[in-house]
Amino acid sequence: MIEGRSPRSVRPSDVRDDRHVVLAYGSNSSTRALLRKFGGDLHLPVLKGRLEGFDVVYSSHLSAYGSVPVTLHQAPGASIETFVTLVTDEQLVRLAETEFNYAIRRLDGTRFLGAEIEVEGPIAFVSRHGALGIEGAPVRLVDCDQPSMLERVRDHLAPDEPLEDFIVENVRNPRRAVEFTARLKERNLVFEAPGTTVLDV
């Protein structure tokens, strides 16, 4: 549970039926990132558990701050350790406003199981750009750290540039980052999860 500006242990009263269960993988599992997005006096349960049938992989886009973000991708038989946040209607709207590169999906038929919660059909933010496919298959976050992933993307898009210059120029020149994202999407891997419900357009 994030309360104010510091985490505390989860209490039974934190898990309530009037909150939406939203997967919090990548930056959304970070206290610092959540405080930046919500600010103010934040009361937000963050619960650990396992998700079936998906993996966290790199997305086919470059962020405004120069990284290669991550997304969910179907992985039958897989089971990953991750987090969920329990958000109010207003907090869900705020999250959607900060995640414009991501579509909102309900993962019907998918189970999230943790010590404090068990739920089917958690909500997930899924990259609108698809999974990174420059190597023919998704690249899992657990298999490749951010610096190594940036090197691999740099090698694909601008092999003659030093890595630091590649990152800095993408931040300084948003148009270039958009153009590079378009090139990455030429080989993206589409999110395909039967039974998933689209919650936005």
C-alpha atoms as a PDB file:
ATOM      1  CA  MET A   1       0.000   0.000   0.000  1.00  0.00           C
ATOM      2  CA  ILE A   2       1.338   3.431  -0.975  1.00  0.00           C
ATOM      3  CA  GLU A   3       0.061   5.974   1.522  1.00  0.00           C
ATOM      4  CA  GLY A   4       1.124   9.591   1.299  1.00  0.00           C
ATOM      5  CA  ARG A   5       4.680   9.281   0.022  1.00  0.00           C
ATOM      6  CA  SER A   6       5.814   6.007   1.582  1.00  0.00           C
ATOM      7  CA  PRO A   7       4.695   2.369   1.350  1.00  0.00           C
ATOM      8  CA  ARG A   8       3.161   0.392   4.223  1.00  0.00           C
ATOM      9  CA  SER A   9       1.930  -3.175   4.632  1.00  0.00           C
ATOM     10  CA  VAL A  10      -1.413  -4.047   3.053  1.00  0.00           C
ATOM     11  CA  ARG A  11      -4.392  -4.268   5.420  1.00  0.00           C
ATOM     12  CA  PRO A  12      -7.526  -6.371   4.773  1.00  0.00           C
ATOM     13  CA  SER A  13      -9.571  -3.166   4.438  1.00  0.00           C
ATOM     14  CA  ASP A  14      -7.413  -2.053   1.477  1.00  0.00           C
ATOM     15  CA  VAL A  15      -8.842  -4.804  -0.770  1.00  0.00           C
ATOM     16  CA  ARG A  16     -12.321  -3.579  -1.665  1.00  0.00           C
ATOM     17  CA  ASP A  17     -14.860  -4.480  -4.342  1.00  0.00           C
ATOM     18  CA  ASP A  18     -15.285  -0.844  -5.412  1.00  0.00           C
ATOM     19  CA  ARG A  19     -11.766  -0.659  -6.860  1.00  0.00           C
ATOM     20  CA  HIS A  20     -10.500  -1.759 -10.293  1.00  0.00           C
ATOM     21  CA  VAL A  21      -7.739  -4.379 -10.376  1.00  0.00           C
ATOM     22  CA  VAL A  22      -5.076  -3.054 -12.773  1.00  0.00           C
ATOM     23  CA  LEU A  23      -1.845  -4.861 -13.650  1.00  0.00           C
ATOM     24  CA  ALA A  24       1.199  -2.836 -12.609  1.00  0.00           C
ATOM     25  CA  TYR A  25       4.171  -4.166 -14.532  1.00  0.00           C
ATOM     26  CA  GLY A  26       7.118  -2.065 -15.687  1.00  0.00           C
ATOM     27  CA  SER A  27       7.211   1.502 -14.355  1.00  0.00           C
ATOM     28  CA  ASN A  28       3.695   1.279 -12.910  1.00  0.00           C
ATOM     29  CA  SER A  29       5.002  -1.088 -10.234  1.00  0.00           C
ATOM     30  CA  SER A  30       7.397   1.635  -9.036  1.00  0.00           C
ATOM     31  CA  THR A  31       6.406   3.788  -6.062  1.00  0.00           C
ATOM     32  CA  ARG A  32       8.293   6.734  -7.555  1.00  0.00           C
ATOM     33  CA  ALA A  33       6.504   6.433 -10.919  1.00  0.00           C
ATOM     34  CA  LEU A  34       3.070   6.144  -9.291  1.00  0.00           C
ATOM     35  CA  LEU A  35       3.710   9.174  -7.083  1.00  0.00           C
ATOM     36  CA  ARG A  36       4.805  11.149 -10.149  1.00  0.00           C
ATOM     37  CA  LYS A  37       1.621  10.224 -12.016  1.00  0.00           C
ATOM     38  CA  PHE A  38      -0.799  10.830  -9.154  1.00  0.00           C
ATOM     39  CA  GLY A  39       1.016  13.272  -6.874  1.00  0.00           C
ATOM     40  CA  GLY A  40      -0.553  14.675  -3.742  1.00  0.00           C
ATOM     41  CA  ASP A  41      -1.817  12.446  -0.963  1.00  0.00           C
ATOM     42  CA  LEU A  42      -1.815   9.049  -2.669  1.00  0.00           C
ATOM     43  CA  HIS A  43      -3.614   6.035  -1.173  1.00  0.00           C
ATOM     44  CA  LEU A  44      -3.055   3.126  -3.540  1.00  0.00           C
ATOM     45  CA  PRO A  45      -2.831  -0.604  -2.727  1.00  0.00           C
ATOM     46  CA  VAL A  46      -0.118  -2.413  -4.736  1.00  0.00           C
ATOM     47  CA  LEU A  47      -0.321  -6.205  -4.401  1.00  0.00           C
ATOM     48  CA  LYS A  48       2.147  -8.855  -5.504  1.00  0.00           C
ATOM     49  CA  GLY A  49       1.136 -12.078  -7.229  1.00  0.00           C
ATOM     50  CA  ARG A  50       1.346 -14.221 -10.344  1.00  0.00           C
ATOM     51  CA  LEU A  51      -0.301 -13.777 -13.750  1.00  0.00           C
ATOM     52  CA  GLU A  52      -0.971 -16.734 -16.026  1.00  0.00           C
ATOM     53  CA  GLY A  53      -0.660 -16.858 -19.810  1.00  0.00           C
ATOM     54  CA  PHE A  54       1.338 -13.665 -20.424  1.00  0.00           C
ATOM     55  CA  ASP A  55       4.878 -12.337 -20.294  1.00  0.00           C
ATOM     56  CA  VAL A  56       6.408  -8.866 -19.952  1.00  0.00           C
ATOM     57  CA  VAL A  57       8.310  -8.036 -23.134  1.00  0.00           C
ATOM     58  CA  TYR A  58       9.709  -4.955 -24.859  1.00  0.00           C
ATOM     59  CA  SER A  59       7.358  -2.778 -26.901  1.00  0.00           C
ATOM     60  CA  SER A  60       7.840  -1.551 -30.469  1.00  0.00           C
ATOM     61  CA  HIS A  61       8.247   2.098 -29.518  1.00  0.00           C
ATOM     62  CA  LEU A  62      10.625   4.607 -27.991  1.00  0.00           C
ATOM     63  CA  SER A  63       9.523   6.647 -24.999  1.00  0.00           C
ATOM     64  CA  ALA A  64       9.747  10.418 -24.686  1.00  0.00           C
ATOM     65  CA  TYR A  65      12.538   9.968 -22.123  1.00  0.00           C
ATOM     66  CA  GLY A  66      14.651   7.726 -24.353  1.00  0.00           C
ATOM     67  CA  SER A  67      13.921   4.192 -23.173  1.00  0.00           C
ATOM     68  CA  VAL A  68      12.378   1.134 -24.808  1.00  0.00           C
ATOM     69  CA  PRO A  69       9.193   0.550 -22.759  1.00  0.00           C
ATOM     70  CA  VAL A  70       7.647  -2.823 -21.986  1.00  0.00           C
ATOM     71  CA  THR A  71       4.250  -4.367 -22.640  1.00  0.00           C
ATOM     72  CA  LEU A  72       2.308  -7.561 -22.053  1.00  0.00           C
ATOM     73  CA  HIS A  73       2.338 -10.271 -24.705  1.00  0.00           C
ATOM     74  CA  GLN A  74       0.524 -13.575 -24.904  1.00  0.00           C
ATOM     75  CA  ALA A  75       2.597 -16.534 -23.735  1.00  0.00           C
ATOM     76  CA  PRO A  76       0.481 -19.698 -23.329  1.00  0.00           C
ATOM     77  CA  GLY A  77       1.668 -21.776 -20.402  1.00  0.00           C
ATOM     78  CA  ALA A  78       3.718 -18.954 -18.913  1.00  0.00           C
ATOM     79  CA  SER A  79       3.319 -17.602 -15.401  1.00  0.00           C
ATOM     80  CA  ILE A  80       5.005 -14.395 -14.270  1.00  0.00           C
ATOM     81  CA  GLU A  81       5.443 -12.654 -10.936  1.00  0.00           C
ATOM     82  CA  THR A  82       4.120  -9.102 -11.098  1.00  0.00           C
ATOM     83  CA  PHE A  83       1.841  -6.622  -9.307  1.00  0.00           C
ATOM     84  CA  VAL A  84      -1.646  -5.152  -9.431  1.00  0.00           C
ATOM     85  CA  THR A  85      -2.861  -1.795  -8.188  1.00  0.00           C
ATOM     86  CA  LEU A  86      -6.370  -1.333  -6.814  1.00  0.00           C
ATOM     87  CA  VAL A  87      -7.612   1.973  -8.209  1.00  0.00           C
ATOM     88  CA  THR A  88     -10.748   4.086  -7.980  1.00  0.00           C
ATOM     89  CA  ASP A  89     -12.646   5.284 -11.056  1.00  0.00           C
ATOM     90  CA  GLU A  90     -10.822   8.610 -10.898  1.00  0.00           C
ATOM     91  CA  GLN A  91      -7.416   6.962 -10.538  1.00  0.00           C
ATOM     92  CA  LEU A  92      -8.101   4.697 -13.521  1.00  0.00           C
ATOM     93  CA  VAL A  93      -8.918   7.749 -15.625  1.00  0.00           C
ATOM     94  CA  ARG A  94      -5.688   9.411 -14.488  1.00  0.00           C
ATOM     95  CA  LEU A  95      -3.656   6.314 -15.372  1.00  0.00           C
ATOM     96  CA  ALA A  96      -5.238   6.251 -18.841  1.00  0.00           C
ATOM     97  CA  GLU A  97      -4.271   9.903 -19.331  1.00  0.00           C
ATOM     98  CA  THR A  98      -0.622   9.099 -18.613  1.00  0.00           C
ATOM     99  CA  GLU A  99      -0.525   5.953 -20.772  1.00  0.00           C
ATOM    100  CA  PHE A 100      -1.424   7.306 -24.219  1.00  0.00           C
ATOM    101  CA  ASN A 101       0.834   4.727 -25.916  1.00  0.00           C
ATOM    102  CA  TYR A 102      -1.213   1.954 -24.317  1.00  0.00           C
ATOM    103  CA  ALA A 103      -4.709   0.551 -24.891  1.00  0.00           C
ATOM    104  CA  ILE A 104      -6.892  -0.644 -22.009  1.00  0.00           C
ATOM    105  CA  ARG A 105      -7.854  -4.318 -22.041  1.00  0.00           C
ATOM    106  CA  ARG A 106      -9.620  -6.625 -19.600  1.00  0.00           C
ATOM    107  CA  LEU A 107      -7.918 -10.020 -19.649  1.00  0.00           C
ATOM    108  CA  ASP A 108     -11.034 -12.163 -19.386  1.00  0.00           C
ATOM    109  CA  GLY A 109     -10.340 -15.743 -18.373  1.00  0.00           C
ATOM    110  CA  THR A 110      -6.895 -14.829 -17.036  1.00  0.00           C
ATOM    111  CA  ARG A 111      -6.165 -15.271 -13.348  1.00  0.00           C
ATOM    112  CA  PHE A 112      -4.039 -13.119 -11.050  1.00  0.00           C
ATOM    113  CA  LEU A 113      -3.264 -14.846  -7.759  1.00  0.00           C
ATOM    114  CA  GLY A 114      -1.532 -13.280  -4.756  1.00  0.00           C
ATOM    115  CA  ALA A 115      -1.451 -13.606  -0.995  1.00  0.00           C
ATOM    116  CA  GLU A 116      -4.042 -10.832  -0.553  1.00  0.00           C
ATOM    117  CA  ILE A 117      -6.097 -11.218  -3.727  1.00  0.00           C
ATOM    118  CA  GLU A 118      -7.323 -13.687  -6.346  1.00  0.00           C
ATOM    119  CA  VAL A 119      -9.120 -12.309  -9.381  1.00  0.00           C
ATOM    120  CA  GLU A 120     -10.027 -13.247 -12.940  1.00  0.00           C
ATOM    121  CA  GLY A 121      -9.985 -10.641 -15.686  1.00  0.00           C
ATOM    122  CA  PRO A 122      -7.597  -7.953 -14.374  1.00  0.00           C
ATOM    123  CA  ILE A 123      -7.333  -4.763 -16.409  1.00  0.00           C
ATOM    124  CA  ALA A 124      -4.110  -4.260 -18.352  1.00  0.00           C
ATOM    125  CA  PHE A 125      -2.497  -1.440 -20.294  1.00  0.00           C
ATOM    126  CA  VAL A 126      -1.174  -3.011 -23.515  1.00  0.00           C
ATOM    127  CA  SER A 127       1.090  -1.226 -25.998  1.00  0.00           C
ATOM    128  CA  ARG A 128      -0.717   0.139 -29.045  1.00  0.00           C
ATOM    129  CA  HIS A 129       2.527  -0.494 -30.963  1.00  0.00           C
ATOM    130  CA  GLY A 130       2.767  -4.238 -30.337  1.00  0.00           C
ATOM    131  CA  ALA A 131       5.729  -6.202 -29.048  1.00  0.00           C
ATOM    132  CA  LEU A 132       9.208  -5.511 -30.411  1.00  0.00           C
ATOM    133  CA  GLY A 133       9.815  -7.960 -33.236  1.00  0.00           C
ATOM    134  CA  ILE A 134      13.133  -6.903 -34.795  1.00  0.00           C
ATOM    135  CA  GLU A 135      14.614 -10.277 -33.832  1.00  0.00           C
ATOM    136  CA  GLY A 136      11.580 -12.305 -34.918  1.00  0.00           C
ATOM    137  CA  ALA A 137      10.310 -13.094 -31.435  1.00  0.00           C
ATOM    138  CA  PRO A 138       9.404 -11.042 -28.355  1.00  0.00           C
ATOM    139  CA  VAL A 139      12.297 -10.053 -26.097  1.00  0.00           C
ATOM    140  CA  ARG A 140      11.407 -10.752 -22.477  1.00  0.00           C
ATOM    141  CA  LEU A 141      12.281  -8.158 -19.851  1.00  0.00           C
ATOM    142  CA  VAL A 142      13.861 -10.840 -17.650  1.00  0.00           C
ATOM    143  CA  ASP A 143      16.222 -11.795 -20.479  1.00  0.00           C
ATOM    144  CA  CYS A 144      17.509  -8.335 -21.428  1.00  0.00           C
ATOM    145  CA  ASP A 145      18.122  -5.216 -19.334  1.00  0.00           C
ATOM    146  CA  GLN A 146      17.357  -1.711 -20.589  1.00  0.00           C
ATOM    147  CA  PRO A 147      20.920  -0.743 -21.662  1.00  0.00           C
ATOM    148  CA  SER A 148      21.287  -3.959 -23.665  1.00  0.00           C
ATOM    149  CA  MET A 149      17.870  -3.471 -25.270  1.00  0.00           C
ATOM    150  CA  LEU A 150      18.744   0.085 -26.255  1.00  0.00           C
ATOM    151  CA  GLU A 151      21.925  -1.196 -27.888  1.00  0.00           C
ATOM    152  CA  ARG A 152      19.976  -3.769 -29.889  1.00  0.00           C
ATOM    153  CA  VAL A 153      17.439  -1.172 -31.026  1.00  0.00           C
ATOM    154  CA  ARG A 154      20.228   1.278 -31.860  1.00  0.00           C
ATOM    155  CA  ASP A 155      21.964  -1.407 -33.941  1.00  0.00           C
ATOM    156  CA  HIS A 156      18.730  -1.859 -35.890  1.00  0.00           C
ATOM    157  CA  LEU A 157      17.886   1.815 -36.413  1.00  0.00           C
ATOM    158  CA  ALA A 158      21.153   3.775 -36.387  1.00  0.00           C
ATOM    159  CA  PRO A 159      24.119   1.406 -36.178  1.00  0.00           C
ATOM    160  CA  ASP A 160      26.714   4.130 -36.787  1.00  0.00           C
ATOM    161  CA  GLU A 161      25.670   6.257 -33.804  1.00  0.00           C
ATOM    162  CA  PRO A 162      27.248   5.962 -30.361  1.00  0.00           C
ATOM    163  CA  LEU A 163      24.622   4.718 -27.915  1.00  0.00           C
ATOM    164  CA  GLU A 164      24.633   7.897 -25.817  1.00  0.00           C
ATOM    165  CA  ASP A 165      24.068  10.051 -28.920  1.00  0.00           C
ATOM    166  CA  PHE A 166      21.258   7.749 -30.058  1.00  0.00           C
ATOM    167  CA  ILE A 167      19.435   8.155 -26.735  1.00  0.00           C
ATOM    168  CA  VAL A 168      20.009  11.906 -26.380  1.00  0.00           C
ATOM    169  CA  GLU A 169      18.925  12.704 -29.940  1.00  0.00           C
ATOM    170  CA  ASN A 170      15.729  10.696 -29.535  1.00  0.00           C
ATOM    171  CA  VAL A 171      14.865  12.754 -26.456  1.00  0.00           C
ATOM    172  CA  ARG A 172      15.810  16.084 -28.050  1.00  0.00           C
ATOM    173  CA  ASN A 173      14.016  15.365 -31.316  1.00  0.00           C
ATOM    174  CA  PRO A 174      10.559  13.829 -30.719  1.00  0.00           C
ATOM    175  CA  ARG A 175       9.887  13.692 -34.463  1.00  0.00           C
ATOM    176  CA  ARG A 176      12.907  11.443 -34.933  1.00  0.00           C
ATOM    177  CA  ALA A 177      11.684   9.176 -32.124  1.00  0.00           C
ATOM    178  CA  VAL A 178       8.270   8.947 -33.818  1.00  0.00           C
ATOM    179  CA  GLU A 179       9.916   8.060 -37.136  1.00  0.00           C
ATOM    180  CA  PHE A 180      12.033   5.399 -35.448  1.00  0.00           C
ATOM    181  CA  THR A 181       8.936   3.994 -33.753  1.00  0.00           C
ATOM    182  CA  ALA A 182       7.258   3.715 -37.157  1.00  0.00           C
ATOM    183  CA  ARG A 183      10.240   1.691 -38.380  1.00  0.00           C
ATOM    184  CA  LEU A 184      10.102  -0.579 -35.338  1.00  0.00           C
ATOM    185  CA  LYS A 185       6.401  -1.182 -35.940  1.00  0.00           C
ATOM    186  CA  GLU A 186       7.147  -2.522 -39.425  1.00  0.00           C
ATOM    187  CA  ARG A 187       8.253  -5.707 -37.650  1.00  0.00           C
ATOM    188  CA  ASN A 188       6.070  -5.610 -34.551  1.00  0.00           C
ATOM    189  CA  LEU A 189       4.301  -8.599 -33.037  1.00  0.00           C
ATOM    190  CA  VAL A 190       0.575  -8.025 -32.543  1.00  0.00           C
ATOM    191  CA  PHE A 191      -1.131  -8.582 -29.195  1.00  0.00           C
ATOM    192  CA  GLU A 192      -3.551 -11.470 -29.703  1.00  0.00           C
ATOM    193  CA  ALA A 193      -5.397 -12.776 -26.666  1.00  0.00           C
ATOM    194  CA  PRO A 194      -8.751 -14.474 -27.353  1.00  0.00           C
ATOM    195  CA  GLY A 195     -11.470 -13.335 -24.993  1.00  0.00           C
ATOM    196  CA  THR A 196      -9.810 -10.048 -24.137  1.00  0.00           C
ATOM    197  CA  THR A 197     -12.295  -7.207 -23.818  1.00  0.00           C
ATOM    198  CA  VAL A 198     -11.419  -3.798 -25.261  1.00  0.00           C
ATOM    199  CA  LEU A 199     -12.221  -1.061 -22.746  1.00  0.00           C
ATOM    200  CA  ASP A 200     -11.220   1.910 -24.895  1.00  0.00           C
ATOM    201  CA  VAL A 201     -10.933   2.764 -28.617  1.00  0.00           C
END
